mmCIF file of all heavy atoms, coordinates in Angstrom:
data_MODEL
# 
_entry.id   MODEL 
# 
loop_
_atom_site.group_PDB 
_atom_site.id 
_atom_site.type_symbol 
_atom_site.label_atom_id 
_atom_site.label_alt_id 
_atom_site.label_comp_id 
_atom_site.label_asym_id 
_atom_site.label_entity_id 
_atom_site.label_seq_id 
_atom_site.pdbx_PDB_ins_code 
_atom_site.Cartn_x 
_atom_site.Cartn_y 
_atom_site.Cartn_z 
_atom_site.occupancy 
_atom_site.B_iso_or_equiv 
_atom_site.pdbx_formal_charge 
_atom_site.auth_seq_id 
_atom_site.auth_comp_id 
_atom_site.auth_asym_id 
_atom_site.auth_atom_id 
_atom_site.pdbx_PDB_model_num 
ATOM 1   N N   . PHE A 1 1  ? 0.789  -1.199 -0.042  1.00 0.00 ? 1  PHE A N   1 
ATOM 2   C CA  . PHE A 1 1  ? -0.098 -0.010 0.008   1.00 0.00 ? 1  PHE A CA  1 
ATOM 3   C C   . PHE A 1 1  ? 0.870  1.239  0.090   1.00 0.00 ? 1  PHE A C   1 
ATOM 4   O O   . PHE A 1 1  ? 0.584  2.230  -0.638  1.00 0.00 ? 1  PHE A O   1 
ATOM 5   C CB  . PHE A 1 1  ? -0.834 0.063  1.246   1.00 0.00 ? 1  PHE A CB  1 
ATOM 6   C CG  . PHE A 1 1  ? -2.011 -1.028 1.234   1.00 0.00 ? 1  PHE A CG  1 
ATOM 7   C CD1 . PHE A 1 1  ? -2.193 -2.006 2.118   1.00 0.00 ? 1  PHE A CD1 1 
ATOM 8   C CD2 . PHE A 1 1  ? -2.889 -1.091 0.126   1.00 0.00 ? 1  PHE A CD2 1 
ATOM 9   C CE1 . PHE A 1 1  ? -3.232 -2.829 2.154   1.00 0.00 ? 1  PHE A CE1 1 
ATOM 10  C CE2 . PHE A 1 1  ? -3.999 -1.878 0.095   1.00 0.00 ? 1  PHE A CE2 1 
ATOM 11  C CZ  . PHE A 1 1  ? -4.148 -2.865 0.929   1.00 0.00 ? 1  PHE A CZ  1 
ATOM 12  N N   . GLU A 1 2  ? 1.942  1.212  0.736   1.00 0.00 ? 2  GLU A N   1 
ATOM 13  C CA  . GLU A 1 2  ? 2.936  2.416  0.778   1.00 0.00 ? 2  GLU A CA  1 
ATOM 14  C C   . GLU A 1 2  ? 3.398  2.730  -0.605  1.00 0.00 ? 2  GLU A C   1 
ATOM 15  O O   . GLU A 1 2  ? 3.393  3.958  -0.957  1.00 0.00 ? 2  GLU A O   1 
ATOM 16  C CB  . GLU A 1 2  ? 4.014  2.160  1.746   1.00 0.00 ? 2  GLU A CB  1 
ATOM 17  C CG  . GLU A 1 2  ? 3.611  2.152  3.232   1.00 0.00 ? 2  GLU A CG  1 
ATOM 18  C CD  . GLU A 1 2  ? 2.979  0.665  3.721   1.00 0.00 ? 2  GLU A CD  1 
ATOM 19  O OE1 . GLU A 1 2  ? 2.973  -0.175 2.875   1.00 0.00 ? 2  GLU A OE1 1 
ATOM 20  O OE2 . GLU A 1 2  ? 2.585  0.642  4.858   1.00 0.00 ? 2  GLU A OE2 1 
ATOM 21  N N   . THR A 1 3  ? 3.913  1.712  -1.332  1.00 0.00 ? 3  THR A N   1 
ATOM 22  C CA  . THR A 1 3  ? 4.422  1.926  -2.685  1.00 0.00 ? 3  THR A CA  1 
ATOM 23  C C   . THR A 1 3  ? 3.322  2.381  -3.603  1.00 0.00 ? 3  THR A C   1 
ATOM 24  O O   . THR A 1 3  ? 3.603  3.386  -4.301  1.00 0.00 ? 3  THR A O   1 
ATOM 25  C CB  . THR A 1 3  ? 5.045  0.691  -3.176  1.00 0.00 ? 3  THR A CB  1 
ATOM 26  O OG1 . THR A 1 3  ? 6.170  0.334  -2.321  1.00 0.00 ? 3  THR A OG1 1 
ATOM 27  C CG2 . THR A 1 3  ? 5.527  0.857  -4.526  1.00 0.00 ? 3  THR A CG2 1 
ATOM 28  N N   . ALA A 1 4  ? 2.194  1.885  -3.519  1.00 0.00 ? 4  ALA A N   1 
ATOM 29  C CA  . ALA A 1 4  ? 1.126  2.260  -4.357  1.00 0.00 ? 4  ALA A CA  1 
ATOM 30  C C   . ALA A 1 4  ? 0.688  3.697  -4.119  1.00 0.00 ? 4  ALA A C   1 
ATOM 31  O O   . ALA A 1 4  ? 0.326  4.397  -5.085  1.00 0.00 ? 4  ALA A O   1 
ATOM 32  C CB  . ALA A 1 4  ? -0.156 1.257  -4.262  1.00 0.00 ? 4  ALA A CB  1 
ATOM 33  N N   . ALA A 1 5  ? 0.688  4.006  -2.902  1.00 0.00 ? 5  ALA A N   1 
ATOM 34  C CA  . ALA A 1 5  ? 0.246  5.366  -2.549  1.00 0.00 ? 5  ALA A CA  1 
ATOM 35  C C   . ALA A 1 5  ? 1.177  6.445  -3.000  1.00 0.00 ? 5  ALA A C   1 
ATOM 36  O O   . ALA A 1 5  ? 0.775  7.604  -3.122  1.00 0.00 ? 5  ALA A O   1 
ATOM 37  C CB  . ALA A 1 5  ? 0.046  5.533  -1.087  1.00 0.00 ? 5  ALA A CB  1 
ATOM 38  N N   . THR A 1 6  ? 2.387  6.114  -3.504  1.00 0.00 ? 6  THR A N   1 
ATOM 39  C CA  . THR A 1 6  ? 3.411  7.073  -4.043  1.00 0.00 ? 6  THR A CA  1 
ATOM 40  C C   . THR A 1 6  ? 3.061  7.621  -5.398  1.00 0.00 ? 6  THR A C   1 
ATOM 41  O O   . THR A 1 6  ? 3.568  8.523  -5.901  1.00 0.00 ? 6  THR A O   1 
ATOM 42  C CB  . THR A 1 6  ? 4.795  6.531  -3.928  1.00 0.00 ? 6  THR A CB  1 
ATOM 43  O OG1 . THR A 1 6  ? 4.916  5.413  -4.797  1.00 0.00 ? 6  THR A OG1 1 
ATOM 44  C CG2 . THR A 1 6  ? 5.200  6.245  -2.505  1.00 0.00 ? 6  THR A CG2 1 
ATOM 45  N N   . LEU A 1 7  ? 2.138  6.828  -5.971  1.00 0.00 ? 7  LEU A N   1 
ATOM 46  C CA  . LEU A 1 7  ? 2.062  6.866  -7.422  1.00 0.00 ? 7  LEU A CA  1 
ATOM 47  C C   . LEU A 1 7  ? 1.057  7.911  -8.029  1.00 0.00 ? 7  LEU A C   1 
ATOM 48  O O   . LEU A 1 7  ? 1.391  8.582  -9.083  1.00 0.00 ? 7  LEU A O   1 
ATOM 49  C CB  . LEU A 1 7  ? 1.794  5.428  -8.109  1.00 0.00 ? 7  LEU A CB  1 
ATOM 50  C CG  . LEU A 1 7  ? 2.951  4.413  -7.818  1.00 0.00 ? 7  LEU A CG  1 
ATOM 51  C CD1 . LEU A 1 7  ? 2.376  3.080  -8.363  1.00 0.00 ? 7  LEU A CD1 1 
ATOM 52  C CD2 . LEU A 1 7  ? 4.094  4.699  -8.662  1.00 0.00 ? 7  LEU A CD2 1 
ATOM 53  N N   . PRO A 1 8  ? -0.148 7.917  -7.502  1.00 0.00 ? 8  PRO A N   1 
ATOM 54  C CA  . PRO A 1 8  ? -1.038 8.835  -8.154  1.00 0.00 ? 8  PRO A CA  1 
ATOM 55  C C   . PRO A 1 8  ? -0.754 10.147 -8.608  1.00 0.00 ? 8  PRO A C   1 
ATOM 56  O O   . PRO A 1 8  ? -0.833 10.508 -9.917  1.00 0.00 ? 8  PRO A O   1 
ATOM 57  C CB  . PRO A 1 8  ? -2.283 8.745  -7.210  1.00 0.00 ? 8  PRO A CB  1 
ATOM 58  C CG  . PRO A 1 8  ? -2.127 7.546  -6.496  1.00 0.00 ? 8  PRO A CG  1 
ATOM 59  C CD  . PRO A 1 8  ? -0.696 7.406  -6.279  1.00 0.00 ? 8  PRO A CD  1 
ATOM 60  N N   . VAL A 1 9  ? -0.472 11.078 -7.759  1.00 0.00 ? 9  VAL A N   1 
ATOM 61  C CA  . VAL A 1 9  ? -0.279 12.367 -8.143  1.00 0.00 ? 9  VAL A CA  1 
ATOM 62  C C   . VAL A 1 9  ? 1.086  12.585 -8.786  1.00 0.00 ? 9  VAL A C   1 
ATOM 63  O O   . VAL A 1 9  ? 1.162  13.066 -10.019 1.00 0.00 ? 9  VAL A O   1 
ATOM 64  C CB  . VAL A 1 9  ? -0.371 13.381 -7.073  1.00 0.00 ? 9  VAL A CB  1 
ATOM 65  C CG1 . VAL A 1 9  ? 0.006  14.869 -7.322  1.00 0.00 ? 9  VAL A CG1 1 
ATOM 66  C CG2 . VAL A 1 9  ? -1.897 13.516 -6.479  1.00 0.00 ? 9  VAL A CG2 1 
ATOM 67  N N   . SER A 1 10 ? 2.200  12.252 -8.125  1.00 0.00 ? 10 SER A N   1 
ATOM 68  C CA  . SER A 1 10 ? 3.529  12.432 -8.750  1.00 0.00 ? 10 SER A CA  1 
ATOM 69  C C   . SER A 1 10 ? 3.829  11.688 -10.052 1.00 0.00 ? 10 SER A C   1 
ATOM 70  O O   . SER A 1 10 ? 4.268  12.422 -10.982 1.00 0.00 ? 10 SER A O   1 
ATOM 71  C CB  . SER A 1 10 ? 4.467  12.133 -7.659  1.00 0.00 ? 10 SER A CB  1 
ATOM 72  O OG  . SER A 1 10 ? 4.447  12.836 -6.608  1.00 0.00 ? 10 SER A OG  1 
ATOM 73  N N   . TYR A 1 11 ? 3.508  10.485 -10.142 1.00 0.00 ? 11 TYR A N   1 
ATOM 74  C CA  . TYR A 1 11 ? 3.912  9.661  -11.306 1.00 0.00 ? 11 TYR A CA  1 
ATOM 75  C C   . TYR A 1 11 ? 3.050  9.968  -12.500 1.00 0.00 ? 11 TYR A C   1 
ATOM 76  O O   . TYR A 1 11 ? 3.440  10.019 -13.603 1.00 0.00 ? 11 TYR A O   1 
ATOM 77  C CB  . TYR A 1 11 ? 3.936  8.200  -10.980 1.00 0.00 ? 11 TYR A CB  1 
ATOM 78  C CG  . TYR A 1 11 ? 5.377  7.968  -10.343 1.00 0.00 ? 11 TYR A CG  1 
ATOM 79  C CD1 . TYR A 1 11 ? 5.636  8.221  -9.025  1.00 0.00 ? 11 TYR A CD1 1 
ATOM 80  C CD2 . TYR A 1 11 ? 6.510  7.435  -11.038 1.00 0.00 ? 11 TYR A CD2 1 
ATOM 81  C CE1 . TYR A 1 11 ? 6.830  7.917  -8.405  1.00 0.00 ? 11 TYR A CE1 1 
ATOM 82  C CE2 . TYR A 1 11 ? 7.649  7.229  -10.502 1.00 0.00 ? 11 TYR A CE2 1 
ATOM 83  C CZ  . TYR A 1 11 ? 7.880  7.510  -9.176  1.00 0.00 ? 11 TYR A CZ  1 
ATOM 84  O OH  . TYR A 1 11 ? 9.147  7.247  -8.562  1.00 0.00 ? 11 TYR A OH  1 
ATOM 85  N N   . SER A 1 12 ? 1.668  10.230 -12.181 1.00 0.00 ? 12 SER A N   1 
ATOM 86  C CA  . SER A 1 12 ? 0.912  10.491 -13.320 1.00 0.00 ? 12 SER A CA  1 
ATOM 87  C C   . SER A 1 12 ? 1.129  11.881 -13.820 1.00 0.00 ? 12 SER A C   1 
ATOM 88  O O   . SER A 1 12 ? 1.062  12.136 -15.136 1.00 0.00 ? 12 SER A O   1 
ATOM 89  C CB  . SER A 1 12 ? -0.662 10.389 -12.828 1.00 0.00 ? 12 SER A CB  1 
ATOM 90  O OG  . SER A 1 12 ? -1.040 11.417 -11.984 1.00 0.00 ? 12 SER A OG  1 
ATOM 91  N N   . THR A 1 13 ? 1.365  12.772 -12.976 1.00 0.00 ? 13 THR A N   1 
ATOM 92  C CA  . THR A 1 13 ? 1.640  14.198 -13.439 1.00 0.00 ? 13 THR A CA  1 
ATOM 93  C C   . THR A 1 13 ? 3.001  14.156 -14.280 1.00 0.00 ? 13 THR A C   1 
ATOM 94  O O   . THR A 1 13 ? 3.071  14.831 -15.374 1.00 0.00 ? 13 THR A O   1 
ATOM 95  C CB  . THR A 1 13 ? 1.857  15.055 -12.153 1.00 0.00 ? 13 THR A CB  1 
ATOM 96  O OG1 . THR A 1 13 ? 0.710  15.241 -11.479 1.00 0.00 ? 13 THR A OG1 1 
ATOM 97  C CG2 . THR A 1 13 ? 2.381  16.493 -12.735 1.00 0.00 ? 13 THR A CG2 1 
ATOM 98  N N   . ALA A 1 14 ? 3.955  13.559 -13.765 1.00 0.00 ? 14 ALA A N   1 
ATOM 99  C CA  . ALA A 1 14 ? 5.224  13.418 -14.526 1.00 0.00 ? 14 ALA A CA  1 
ATOM 100 C C   . ALA A 1 14 ? 5.162  12.680 -15.865 1.00 0.00 ? 14 ALA A C   1 
ATOM 101 O O   . ALA A 1 14 ? 5.758  13.050 -16.842 1.00 0.00 ? 14 ALA A O   1 
ATOM 102 C CB  . ALA A 1 14 ? 6.386  12.754 -13.656 1.00 0.00 ? 14 ALA A CB  1 
ATOM 103 N N   . TRP A 1 15 ? 4.364  11.683 -15.826 1.00 0.00 ? 15 TRP A N   1 
ATOM 104 C CA  . TRP A 1 15 ? 3.960  10.795 -17.036 1.00 0.00 ? 15 TRP A CA  1 
ATOM 105 C C   . TRP A 1 15 ? 3.432  11.725 -18.076 1.00 0.00 ? 15 TRP A C   1 
ATOM 106 O O   . TRP A 1 15 ? 3.921  11.766 -19.337 1.00 0.00 ? 15 TRP A O   1 
ATOM 107 C CB  . TRP A 1 15 ? 3.157  9.723  -16.774 1.00 0.00 ? 15 TRP A CB  1 
ATOM 108 C CG  . TRP A 1 15 ? 2.986  8.671  -17.854 1.00 0.00 ? 15 TRP A CG  1 
ATOM 109 C CD1 . TRP A 1 15 ? 2.076  8.910  -18.935 1.00 0.00 ? 15 TRP A CD1 1 
ATOM 110 C CD2 . TRP A 1 15 ? 3.662  7.446  -18.123 1.00 0.00 ? 15 TRP A CD2 1 
ATOM 111 N NE1 . TRP A 1 15 ? 2.208  7.820  -19.836 1.00 0.00 ? 15 TRP A NE1 1 
ATOM 112 C CE2 . TRP A 1 15 ? 3.249  6.966  -19.383 1.00 0.00 ? 15 TRP A CE2 1 
ATOM 113 C CE3 . TRP A 1 15 ? 4.767  6.865  -17.436 1.00 0.00 ? 15 TRP A CE3 1 
ATOM 114 C CZ2 . TRP A 1 15 ? 3.734  5.863  -19.877 1.00 0.00 ? 15 TRP A CZ2 1 
ATOM 115 C CZ3 . TRP A 1 15 ? 5.283  5.702  -18.090 1.00 0.00 ? 15 TRP A CZ3 1 
ATOM 116 C CH2 . TRP A 1 15 ? 4.720  5.103  -19.152 1.00 0.00 ? 15 TRP A CH2 1 
ATOM 117 N N   . ARG A 1 16 ? 2.397  12.388 -17.783 1.00 0.00 ? 16 ARG A N   1 
ATOM 118 C CA  . ARG A 1 16 ? 1.670  13.302 -18.705 1.00 0.00 ? 16 ARG A CA  1 
ATOM 119 C C   . ARG A 1 16 ? 2.626  14.536 -19.152 1.00 0.00 ? 16 ARG A C   1 
ATOM 120 O O   . ARG A 1 16 ? 2.829  14.702 -20.417 1.00 0.00 ? 16 ARG A O   1 
ATOM 121 C CB  . ARG A 1 16 ? 0.476  13.877 -18.244 1.00 0.00 ? 16 ARG A CB  1 
ATOM 122 C CG  . ARG A 1 16 ? -0.201 14.863 -19.168 1.00 0.00 ? 16 ARG A CG  1 
ATOM 123 C CD  . ARG A 1 16 ? -1.584 15.339 -18.722 1.00 0.00 ? 16 ARG A CD  1 
ATOM 124 N NE  . ARG A 1 16 ? -2.270 16.293 -19.392 1.00 0.00 ? 16 ARG A NE  1 
ATOM 125 C CZ  . ARG A 1 16 ? -2.963 16.180 -20.469 1.00 0.00 ? 16 ARG A CZ  1 
ATOM 126 N NH1 . ARG A 1 16 ? -3.203 14.806 -20.867 1.00 0.00 ? 16 ARG A NH1 1 
ATOM 127 N NH2 . ARG A 1 16 ? -3.627 17.074 -21.213 1.00 0.00 ? 16 ARG A NH2 1 
ATOM 128 N N   . ALA A 1 17 ? 3.354  14.990 -18.225 1.00 0.00 ? 17 ALA A N   1 
ATOM 129 C CA  . ALA A 1 17 ? 4.356  16.122 -18.616 1.00 0.00 ? 17 ALA A CA  1 
ATOM 130 C C   . ALA A 1 17 ? 5.360  15.702 -19.568 1.00 0.00 ? 17 ALA A C   1 
ATOM 131 O O   . ALA A 1 17 ? 5.615  16.470 -20.489 1.00 0.00 ? 17 ALA A O   1 
ATOM 132 C CB  . ALA A 1 17 ? 5.003  16.637 -17.292 1.00 0.00 ? 17 ALA A CB  1 
ATOM 133 N N   . LEU A 1 18 ? 5.982  14.480 -19.447 1.00 0.00 ? 18 LEU A N   1 
ATOM 134 C CA  . LEU A 1 18 ? 7.040  14.137 -20.406 1.00 0.00 ? 18 LEU A CA  1 
ATOM 135 C C   . LEU A 1 18 ? 6.515  13.395 -21.463 1.00 0.00 ? 18 LEU A C   1 
ATOM 136 O O   . LEU A 1 18 ? 7.008  13.540 -22.683 1.00 0.00 ? 18 LEU A O   1 
ATOM 137 C CB  . LEU A 1 18 ? 8.035  13.309 -19.561 1.00 0.00 ? 18 LEU A CB  1 
ATOM 138 C CG  . LEU A 1 18 ? 9.115  14.018 -18.714 1.00 0.00 ? 18 LEU A CG  1 
ATOM 139 C CD1 . LEU A 1 18 ? 9.782  13.169 -17.708 1.00 0.00 ? 18 LEU A CD1 1 
ATOM 140 C CD2 . LEU A 1 18 ? 10.089 14.730 -19.691 1.00 0.00 ? 18 LEU A CD2 1 
ATOM 141 N N   . ILE A 1 19 ? 5.774  12.380 -21.296 1.00 0.00 ? 19 ILE A N   1 
ATOM 142 C CA  . ILE A 1 19 ? 5.385  11.453 -22.410 1.00 0.00 ? 19 ILE A CA  1 
ATOM 143 C C   . ILE A 1 19 ? 4.455  12.116 -23.337 1.00 0.00 ? 19 ILE A C   1 
ATOM 144 O O   . ILE A 1 19 ? 4.571  12.129 -24.639 1.00 0.00 ? 19 ILE A O   1 
ATOM 145 C CB  . ILE A 1 19 ? 4.744  10.176 -21.898 1.00 0.00 ? 19 ILE A CB  1 
ATOM 146 C CG1 . ILE A 1 19 ? 5.734  9.384  -20.883 1.00 0.00 ? 19 ILE A CG1 1 
ATOM 147 C CG2 . ILE A 1 19 ? 4.369  9.284  -22.981 1.00 0.00 ? 19 ILE A CG2 1 
ATOM 148 C CD1 . ILE A 1 19 ? 7.118  9.110  -21.457 1.00 0.00 ? 19 ILE A CD1 1 
ATOM 149 N N   . SER A 1 20 ? 3.248  12.740 -22.766 1.00 0.00 ? 20 SER A N   1 
ATOM 150 C CA  . SER A 1 20 ? 2.247  13.233 -23.591 1.00 0.00 ? 20 SER A CA  1 
ATOM 151 C C   . SER A 1 20 ? 2.459  14.730 -24.068 1.00 0.00 ? 20 SER A C   1 
ATOM 152 O O   . SER A 1 20 ? 2.370  15.052 -25.203 1.00 0.00 ? 20 SER A O   1 
ATOM 153 C CB  . SER A 1 20 ? 0.912  13.189 -22.822 1.00 0.00 ? 20 SER A CB  1 
ATOM 154 O OG  . SER A 1 20 ? 0.671  11.847 -22.629 1.00 0.00 ? 20 SER A OG  1 
ATOM 155 N N   . ARG A 1 21 ? 2.916  15.582 -23.029 1.00 0.00 ? 21 ARG A N   1 
ATOM 156 C CA  . ARG A 1 21 ? 2.942  16.989 -23.323 1.00 0.00 ? 21 ARG A CA  1 
ATOM 157 C C   . ARG A 1 21 ? 4.309  17.455 -24.012 1.00 0.00 ? 21 ARG A C   1 
ATOM 158 O O   . ARG A 1 21 ? 4.380  18.151 -24.935 1.00 0.00 ? 21 ARG A O   1 
ATOM 159 C CB  . ARG A 1 21 ? 2.635  17.874 -22.162 1.00 0.00 ? 21 ARG A CB  1 
ATOM 160 C CG  . ARG A 1 21 ? 1.391  17.600 -21.434 1.00 0.00 ? 21 ARG A CG  1 
ATOM 161 C CD  . ARG A 1 21 ? 0.217  18.000 -22.238 1.00 0.00 ? 21 ARG A CD  1 
ATOM 162 N NE  . ARG A 1 21 ? 0.024  19.539 -22.026 1.00 0.00 ? 21 ARG A NE  1 
ATOM 163 C CZ  . ARG A 1 21 ? -0.335 20.347 -23.009 1.00 0.00 ? 21 ARG A CZ  1 
ATOM 164 N NH1 . ARG A 1 21 ? -0.621 19.963 -24.258 1.00 0.00 ? 21 ARG A NH1 1 
ATOM 165 N NH2 . ARG A 1 21 ? -0.445 21.724 -22.763 1.00 0.00 ? 21 ARG A NH2 1 
ATOM 166 N N   . ALA A 1 22 ? 5.403  17.056 -23.430 1.00 0.00 ? 22 ALA A N   1 
ATOM 167 C CA  . ALA A 1 22 ? 6.750  17.421 -23.833 1.00 0.00 ? 22 ALA A CA  1 
ATOM 168 C C   . ALA A 1 22 ? 7.219  16.458 -24.885 1.00 0.00 ? 22 ALA A C   1 
ATOM 169 O O   . ALA A 1 22 ? 8.259  16.778 -25.569 1.00 0.00 ? 22 ALA A O   1 
ATOM 170 C CB  . ALA A 1 22 ? 7.634  17.436 -22.691 1.00 0.00 ? 22 ALA A CB  1 
ATOM 171 N N   . ARG A 1 23 ? 6.597  15.271 -25.070 1.00 0.00 ? 23 ARG A N   1 
ATOM 172 C CA  . ARG A 1 23 ? 6.910  14.375 -26.189 1.00 0.00 ? 23 ARG A CA  1 
ATOM 173 C C   . ARG A 1 23 ? 8.442  13.981 -26.125 1.00 0.00 ? 23 ARG A C   1 
ATOM 174 O O   . ARG A 1 23 ? 9.137  14.005 -27.084 1.00 0.00 ? 23 ARG A O   1 
ATOM 175 C CB  . ARG A 1 23 ? 6.568  14.955 -27.548 1.00 0.00 ? 23 ARG A CB  1 
ATOM 176 C CG  . ARG A 1 23 ? 5.168  15.656 -27.662 1.00 0.00 ? 23 ARG A CG  1 
ATOM 177 C CD  . ARG A 1 23 ? 4.941  16.386 -28.978 1.00 0.00 ? 23 ARG A CD  1 
ATOM 178 N NE  . ARG A 1 23 ? 5.871  17.216 -29.305 1.00 0.00 ? 23 ARG A NE  1 
ATOM 179 C CZ  . ARG A 1 23 ? 6.016  18.536 -28.740 1.00 0.00 ? 23 ARG A CZ  1 
ATOM 180 N NH1 . ARG A 1 23 ? 5.021  18.967 -28.045 1.00 0.00 ? 23 ARG A NH1 1 
ATOM 181 N NH2 . ARG A 1 23 ? 6.818  19.428 -29.165 1.00 0.00 ? 23 ARG A NH2 1 
ATOM 182 N N   . VAL A 1 24 ? 8.818  13.568 -24.971 1.00 0.00 ? 24 VAL A N   1 
ATOM 183 C CA  . VAL A 1 24 ? 10.311 13.122 -24.842 1.00 0.00 ? 24 VAL A CA  1 
ATOM 184 C C   . VAL A 1 24 ? 10.582 11.912 -25.759 1.00 0.00 ? 24 VAL A C   1 
ATOM 185 O O   . VAL A 1 24 ? 9.790  11.027 -25.927 1.00 0.00 ? 24 VAL A O   1 
ATOM 186 C CB  . VAL A 1 24 ? 10.587 12.821 -23.322 1.00 0.00 ? 24 VAL A CB  1 
ATOM 187 C CG1 . VAL A 1 24 ? 9.724  11.531 -22.891 1.00 0.00 ? 24 VAL A CG1 1 
ATOM 188 C CG2 . VAL A 1 24 ? 11.986 12.486 -23.125 1.00 0.00 ? 24 VAL A CG2 1 
# 
């Protein structure tokens, strides 16, 4: 649960920022 709880805001935000928006 602790690991899963680290993911929602931080990792989804970074994913969209780099993969979708900045097109790394």
